[in-house]
Amino acid sequence: MPSKPAKAIAALRIDAEMMDRVIDAAVRTGLSQADIMRLTIEMSLSDMKRFLDRAADVKRTRPGRPSRR
């Protein structure tokens, strides 16, 4: 398996409202806009992983549905 680069550049298109929120967070925290985007992505990915893990648990423990005929 090829090794992953330590960092990657990714183009990201966001709407004006979201960009306003990024700018606001950057101003309020003193962080750069790029740092706000990186932190937000990392937090969201952690939340998404927890959601997917729970969904997988529910799917494994949920009894199968009877077929409709």
PDB file of N, CA and C in Angstrom:
ATOM      1  N   MET A   1       0.844  -1.168   0.000  1.00  0.00           N
ATOM      2  CA  MET A   1       0.000   0.000   0.000  1.00  0.00           C
ATOM      3  C   MET A   1       0.898   1.243   0.000  1.00  0.00           C
ATOM      4  N   PRO A   2       0.639   2.190  -0.930  1.00  0.00           N
ATOM      5  CA  PRO A   2       1.489   3.378  -0.988  1.00  0.00           C
ATOM      6  C   PRO A   2       1.314   4.234   0.264  1.00  0.00           C
ATOM      7  N   SER A   3       2.380   4.916   0.636  1.00  0.00           N
ATOM      8  CA  SER A   3       2.291   5.774   1.819  1.00  0.00           C
ATOM      9  C   SER A   3       1.515   7.047   1.496  1.00  0.00           C
ATOM     10  N   LYS A   4       0.857   7.588   2.511  1.00  0.00           N
ATOM     11  CA  LYS A   4       0.086   8.816   2.355  1.00  0.00           C
ATOM     12  C   LYS A   4       1.007  10.013   2.569  1.00  0.00           C
ATOM     13  N   PRO A   5       0.763  11.087   1.843  1.00  0.00           N
ATOM     14  CA  PRO A   5       1.561  12.288   2.105  1.00  0.00           C
ATOM     15  C   PRO A   5       1.233  12.834   3.492  1.00  0.00           C
ATOM     16  N   ALA A   6       2.195  13.508   4.111  1.00  0.00           N
ATOM     17  CA  ALA A   6       1.972  14.071   5.440  1.00  0.00           C
ATOM     18  C   ALA A   6       0.880  15.132   5.407  1.00  0.00           C
ATOM     19  N   LYS A   7       0.796  15.874   4.317  1.00  0.00           N
ATOM     20  CA  LYS A   7      -0.223  16.902   4.153  1.00  0.00           C
ATOM     21  C   LYS A   7      -0.728  16.873   2.726  1.00  0.00           C
ATOM     22  N   ALA A   8      -1.946  17.320   2.543  1.00  0.00           N
ATOM     23  CA  ALA A   8      -2.532  17.394   1.206  1.00  0.00           C
ATOM     24  C   ALA A   8      -3.230  18.735   1.047  1.00  0.00           C
ATOM     25  N   ILE A   9      -3.267  19.219  -0.148  1.00  0.00           N
ATOM     26  CA  ILE A   9      -3.988  20.449  -0.457  1.00  0.00           C
ATOM     27  C   ILE A   9      -5.322  20.040  -1.049  1.00  0.00           C
ATOM     28  N   ALA A  10      -6.395  20.615  -0.518  1.00  0.00           N
ATOM     29  CA  ALA A  10      -7.731  20.272  -1.000  1.00  0.00           C
ATOM     30  C   ALA A  10      -8.505  21.553  -1.290  1.00  0.00           C
ATOM     31  N   ALA A  11      -9.025  21.646  -2.490  1.00  0.00           N
ATOM     32  CA  ALA A  11      -9.877  22.786  -2.835  1.00  0.00           C
ATOM     33  C   ALA A  11     -11.231  22.588  -2.163  1.00  0.00           C
ATOM     34  N   LEU A  12     -11.774  23.659  -1.646  1.00  0.00           N
ATOM     35  CA  LEU A  12     -13.034  23.565  -0.922  1.00  0.00           C
ATOM     36  C   LEU A  12     -13.909  24.739  -1.331  1.00  0.00           C
ATOM     37  N   ARG A  13     -15.073  24.438  -1.887  1.00  0.00           N
ATOM     38  CA  ARG A  13     -16.017  25.487  -2.273  1.00  0.00           C
ATOM     39  C   ARG A  13     -17.107  25.558  -1.216  1.00  0.00           C
ATOM     40  N   ILE A  14     -17.267  26.739  -0.620  1.00  0.00           N
ATOM     41  CA  ILE A  14     -18.304  26.928   0.385  1.00  0.00           C
ATOM     42  C   ILE A  14     -19.120  28.168   0.036  1.00  0.00           C
ATOM     43  N   ASP A  15     -20.355  28.198   0.502  1.00  0.00           N
ATOM     44  CA  ASP A  15     -21.209  29.340   0.180  1.00  0.00           C
ATOM     45  C   ASP A  15     -20.843  30.551   1.044  1.00  0.00           C
ATOM     46  N   ALA A  16     -21.376  31.705   0.669  1.00  0.00           N
ATOM     47  CA  ALA A  16     -21.037  32.965   1.332  1.00  0.00           C
ATOM     48  C   ALA A  16     -21.421  32.957   2.811  1.00  0.00           C
ATOM     49  N   GLU A  17     -22.564  32.378   3.131  1.00  0.00           N
ATOM     50  CA  GLU A  17     -23.004  32.331   4.530  1.00  0.00           C
ATOM     51  C   GLU A  17     -22.035  31.534   5.389  1.00  0.00           C
ATOM     52  N   MET A  18     -21.585  30.394   4.887  1.00  0.00           N
ATOM     53  CA  MET A  18     -20.643  29.588   5.646  1.00  0.00           C
ATOM     54  C   MET A  18     -19.305  30.316   5.783  1.00  0.00           C
ATOM     55  N   MET A  19     -18.877  30.995   4.720  1.00  0.00           N
ATOM     56  CA  MET A  19     -17.623  31.738   4.786  1.00  0.00           C
ATOM     57  C   MET A  19     -17.722  32.850   5.816  1.00  0.00           C
ATOM     58  N   ASP A  20     -18.876  33.509   5.905  1.00  0.00           N
ATOM     59  CA  ASP A  20     -19.075  34.534   6.935  1.00  0.00           C
ATOM     60  C   ASP A  20     -18.907  33.933   8.327  1.00  0.00           C
ATOM     61  N   ARG A  21     -19.396  32.725   8.511  1.00  0.00           N
ATOM     62  CA  ARG A  21     -19.268  32.055   9.807  1.00  0.00           C
ATOM     63  C   ARG A  21     -17.817  31.702  10.105  1.00  0.00           C
ATOM     64  N   VAL A  22     -17.075  31.299   9.069  1.00  0.00           N
ATOM     65  CA  VAL A  22     -15.647  31.000   9.236  1.00  0.00           C
ATOM     66  C   VAL A  22     -14.900  32.277   9.629  1.00  0.00           C
ATOM     67  N   ILE A  23     -15.177  33.358   8.924  1.00  0.00           N
ATOM     68  CA  ILE A  23     -14.516  34.637   9.214  1.00  0.00           C
ATOM     69  C   ILE A  23     -14.847  35.082  10.635  1.00  0.00           C
ATOM     70  N   ASP A  24     -16.121  34.980  11.027  1.00  0.00           N
ATOM     71  CA  ASP A  24     -16.528  35.370  12.375  1.00  0.00           C
ATOM     72  C   ASP A  24     -15.784  34.553  13.423  1.00  0.00           C
ATOM     73  N   ALA A  25     -15.709  33.243  13.229  1.00  0.00           N
ATOM     74  CA  ALA A  25     -15.004  32.382  14.186  1.00  0.00           C
ATOM     75  C   ALA A  25     -13.524  32.729  14.242  1.00  0.00           C
ATOM     76  N   ALA A  26     -12.927  33.030  13.095  1.00  0.00           N
ATOM     77  CA  ALA A  26     -11.516  33.391  13.065  1.00  0.00           C
ATOM     78  C   ALA A  26     -11.262  34.688  13.827  1.00  0.00           C
ATOM     79  N   VAL A  27     -12.121  35.673  13.617  1.00  0.00           N
ATOM     80  CA  VAL A  27     -11.975  36.952  14.319  1.00  0.00           C
ATOM     81  C   VAL A  27     -12.155  36.755  15.823  1.00  0.00           C
ATOM     82  N   ARG A  28     -13.171  35.989  16.196  1.00  0.00           N
ATOM     83  CA  ARG A  28     -13.469  35.806  17.620  1.00  0.00           C
ATOM     84  C   ARG A  28     -12.395  35.010  18.352  1.00  0.00           C
ATOM     85  N   THR A  29     -11.743  34.078  17.658  1.00  0.00           N
ATOM     86  CA  THR A  29     -10.750  33.224  18.315  1.00  0.00           C
ATOM     87  C   THR A  29      -9.322  33.701  18.115  1.00  0.00           C
ATOM     88  N   GLY A  30      -9.112  34.534  17.107  1.00  0.00           N
ATOM     89  CA  GLY A  30      -7.739  34.939  16.791  1.00  0.00           C
ATOM     90  C   GLY A  30      -6.995  33.907  15.959  1.00  0.00           C
ATOM     91  N   LEU A  31      -7.691  32.869  15.530  1.00  0.00           N
ATOM     92  CA  LEU A  31      -7.082  31.843  14.680  1.00  0.00           C
ATOM     93  C   LEU A  31      -7.235  32.241  13.213  1.00  0.00           C
ATOM     94  N   SER A  32      -6.453  31.610  12.355  1.00  0.00           N
ATOM     95  CA  SER A  32      -6.596  31.874  10.923  1.00  0.00           C
ATOM     96  C   SER A  32      -7.858  31.191  10.399  1.00  0.00           C
ATOM     97  N   GLN A  33      -8.323  31.670   9.267  1.00  0.00           N
ATOM     98  CA  GLN A  33      -9.484  31.038   8.634  1.00  0.00           C
ATOM     99  C   GLN A  33      -9.183  29.585   8.295  1.00  0.00           C
ATOM    100  N   ALA A  34      -7.971  29.319   7.833  1.00  0.00           N
ATOM    101  CA  ALA A  34      -7.585  27.937   7.507  1.00  0.00           C
ATOM    102  C   ALA A  34      -7.614  27.055   8.752  1.00  0.00           C
ATOM    103  N   ASP A  35      -7.124  27.581   9.893  1.00  0.00           N
ATOM    104  CA  ASP A  35      -7.164  26.802  11.132  1.00  0.00           C
ATOM    105  C   ASP A  35      -8.601  26.524  11.557  1.00  0.00           C
ATOM    106  N   ILE A  36      -9.481  27.510  11.405  1.00  0.00           N
ATOM    107  CA  ILE A  36     -10.896  27.302  11.746  1.00  0.00           C
ATOM    108  C   ILE A  36     -11.470  26.185  10.880  1.00  0.00           C
ATOM    109  N   MET A  37     -11.189  26.204   9.590  1.00  0.00           N
ATOM    110  CA  MET A  37     -11.710  25.156   8.700  1.00  0.00           C
ATOM    111  C   MET A  37     -11.142  23.793   9.071  1.00  0.00           C
ATOM    112  N   ARG A  38      -9.834  23.723   9.356  1.00  0.00           N
ATOM    113  CA  ARG A  38      -9.231  22.438   9.737  1.00  0.00           C
ATOM    114  C   ARG A  38      -9.840  21.907  11.028  1.00  0.00           C
ATOM    115  N   LEU A  39      -9.981  22.787  12.036  1.00  0.00           N
ATOM    116  CA  LEU A  39     -10.559  22.357  13.314  1.00  0.00           C
ATOM    117  C   LEU A  39     -12.005  21.903  13.149  1.00  0.00           C
ATOM    118  N   THR A  40     -12.755  22.645  12.351  1.00  0.00           N
ATOM    119  CA  THR A  40     -14.160  22.295  12.127  1.00  0.00           C
ATOM    120  C   THR A  40     -14.290  20.956  11.419  1.00  0.00           C
ATOM    121  N   ILE A  41     -13.455  20.722  10.429  1.00  0.00           N
ATOM    122  CA  ILE A  41     -13.478  19.430   9.725  1.00  0.00           C
ATOM    123  C   ILE A  41     -13.133  18.305  10.693  1.00  0.00           C
ATOM    124  N   GLU A  42     -12.096  18.501  11.499  1.00  0.00           N
ATOM    125  CA  GLU A  42     -11.689  17.459  12.444  1.00  0.00           C
ATOM    126  C   GLU A  42     -12.798  17.153  13.445  1.00  0.00           C
ATOM    127  N   MET A  43     -13.432  18.189  13.996  1.00  0.00           N
ATOM    128  CA  MET A  43     -14.527  17.968  14.948  1.00  0.00           C
ATOM    129  C   MET A  43     -15.699  17.261  14.274  1.00  0.00           C
ATOM    130  N   SER A  44     -16.011  17.664  13.062  1.00  0.00           N
ATOM    131  CA  SER A  44     -17.138  17.062  12.339  1.00  0.00           C
ATOM    132  C   SER A  44     -16.855  15.604  11.994  1.00  0.00           C
ATOM    133  N   LEU A  45     -15.617  15.291  11.629  1.00  0.00           N
ATOM    134  CA  LEU A  45     -15.277  13.906  11.319  1.00  0.00           C
ATOM    135  C   LEU A  45     -15.363  13.026  12.561  1.00  0.00           C
ATOM    136  N   SER A  46     -14.987  13.575  13.716  1.00  0.00           N
ATOM    137  CA  SER A  46     -15.119  12.820  14.968  1.00  0.00           C
ATOM    138  C   SER A  46     -16.591  12.542  15.270  1.00  0.00           C
ATOM    139  N   ASP A  47     -17.430  13.564  15.089  1.00  0.00           N
ATOM    140  CA  ASP A  47     -18.871  13.377  15.290  1.00  0.00           C
ATOM    141  C   ASP A  47     -19.432  12.356  14.306  1.00  0.00           C
ATOM    142  N   MET A  48     -19.008  12.439  13.049  1.00  0.00           N
ATOM    143  CA  MET A  48     -19.491  11.512  12.028  1.00  0.00           C
ATOM    144  C   MET A  48     -19.078  10.081  12.365  1.00  0.00           C
ATOM    145  N   LYS A  49     -17.858   9.878  12.850  1.00  0.00           N
ATOM    146  CA  LYS A  49     -17.410   8.538  13.217  1.00  0.00           C
ATOM    147  C   LYS A  49     -18.278   7.978  14.342  1.00  0.00           C
ATOM    148  N   ARG A  50     -18.556   8.796  15.371  1.00  0.00           N
ATOM    149  CA  ARG A  50     -19.424   8.333  16.459  1.00  0.00           C
ATOM    150  C   ARG A  50     -20.807   7.972  15.941  1.00  0.00           C
ATOM    151  N   PHE A  51     -21.358   8.790  15.062  1.00  0.00           N
ATOM    152  CA  PHE A  51     -22.668   8.518  14.483  1.00  0.00           C
ATOM    153  C   PHE A  51     -22.662   7.196  13.716  1.00  0.00           C
ATOM    154  N   LEU A  52     -21.654   7.007  12.867  1.00  0.00           N
ATOM    155  CA  LEU A  52     -21.587   5.776  12.069  1.00  0.00           C
ATOM    156  C   LEU A  52     -21.379   4.549  12.940  1.00  0.00           C
ATOM    157  N   ASP A  53     -20.578   4.683  13.999  1.00  0.00           N
ATOM    158  CA  ASP A  53     -20.377   3.558  14.919  1.00  0.00           C
ATOM    159  C   ASP A  53     -21.688   3.177  15.602  1.00  0.00           C
ATOM    160  N   ARG A  54     -22.456   4.194  16.042  1.00  0.00           N
ATOM    161  CA  ARG A  54     -23.746   3.912  16.676  1.00  0.00           C
ATOM    162  C   ARG A  54     -24.723   3.294  15.685  1.00  0.00           C
ATOM    163  N   ALA A  55     -24.735   3.816  14.468  1.00  0.00           N
ATOM    164  CA  ALA A  55     -25.642   3.276  13.453  1.00  0.00           C
ATOM    165  C   ALA A  55     -25.314   1.818  13.161  1.00  0.00           C
ATOM    166  N   ALA A  56     -24.024   1.488  13.124  1.00  0.00           N
ATOM    167  CA  ALA A  56     -23.625   0.100  12.879  1.00  0.00           C
ATOM    168  C   ALA A  56     -24.059  -0.788  14.036  1.00  0.00           C
ATOM    169  N   ASP A  57     -23.934  -0.281  15.266  1.00  0.00           N
ATOM    170  CA  ASP A  57     -24.375  -1.055  16.442  1.00  0.00           C
ATOM    171  C   ASP A  57     -25.874  -1.317  16.386  1.00  0.00           C
ATOM    172  N   VAL A  58     -26.645  -0.290  16.038  1.00  0.00           N
ATOM    173  CA  VAL A  58     -28.103  -0.447  15.950  1.00  0.00           C
ATOM    174  C   VAL A  58     -28.454  -1.458  14.872  1.00  0.00           C
ATOM    175  N   LYS A  59     -27.778  -1.359  13.748  1.00  0.00           N
ATOM    176  CA  LYS A  59     -28.062  -2.269  12.635  1.00  0.00           C
ATOM    177  C   LYS A  59     -27.760  -3.716  13.032  1.00  0.00           C
ATOM    178  N   ARG A  60     -26.673  -3.919  13.802  1.00  0.00           N
ATOM    179  CA  ARG A  60     -26.307  -5.285  14.218  1.00  0.00           C
ATOM    180  C   ARG A  60     -27.288  -5.845  15.241  1.00  0.00           C
ATOM    181  N   THR A  61     -27.830  -4.988  16.110  1.00  0.00           N
ATOM    182  CA  THR A  61     -28.695  -5.486  17.181  1.00  0.00           C
ATOM    183  C   THR A  61     -30.168  -5.479  16.816  1.00  0.00           C
ATOM    184  N   ARG A  62     -30.513  -4.828  15.717  1.00  0.00           N
ATOM    185  CA  ARG A  62     -31.918  -4.719  15.307  1.00  0.00           C
ATOM    186  C   ARG A  62     -32.350  -6.000  14.610  1.00  0.00           C
ATOM    187  N   PRO A  63     -33.468  -6.556  15.037  1.00  0.00           N
ATOM    188  CA  PRO A  63     -33.937  -7.770  14.351  1.00  0.00           C
ATOM    189  C   PRO A  63     -34.339  -7.451  12.908  1.00  0.00           C
ATOM    190  N   GLY A  64     -34.210  -8.436  12.058  1.00  0.00           N
ATOM    191  CA  GLY A  64     -34.572  -8.242  10.660  1.00  0.00           C
ATOM    192  C   GLY A  64     -36.052  -7.997  10.504  1.00  0.00           C
ATOM    193  N   ARG A  65     -36.387  -7.266   9.480  1.00  0.00           N
ATOM    194  CA  ARG A  65     -37.800  -6.992   9.182  1.00  0.00           C
ATOM    195  C   ARG A  65     -38.396  -8.153   8.409  1.00  0.00           C
ATOM    196  N   PRO A  66     -39.622  -8.505   8.721  1.00  0.00           N
ATOM    197  CA  PRO A  66     -40.261  -9.545   7.920  1.00  0.00           C
ATOM    198  C   PRO A  66     -40.499  -9.027   6.509  1.00  0.00           C
ATOM    199  N   SER A  67     -40.398  -9.918   5.566  1.00  0.00           N
ATOM    200  CA  SER A  67     -40.600  -9.488   4.177  1.00  0.00           C
ATOM    201  C   SER A  67     -42.091  -9.271   3.916  1.00  0.00           C
ATOM    202  N   ARG A  68     -42.374  -8.288   3.073  1.00  0.00           N
ATOM    203  CA  ARG A  68     -43.772  -7.994   2.687  1.00  0.00           C
ATOM    204  C   ARG A  68     -44.070  -8.714   1.377  1.00  0.00           C
ATOM    205  N   ARG A  69     -45.152  -9.451   1.381  1.00  0.00           N
ATOM    206  CA  ARG A  69     -45.555 -10.140   0.137  1.00  0.00           C
ATOM    207  C   ARG A  69     -47.007  -9.971  -0.067  1.00  0.00           C
TER     208      ARG A  69
END
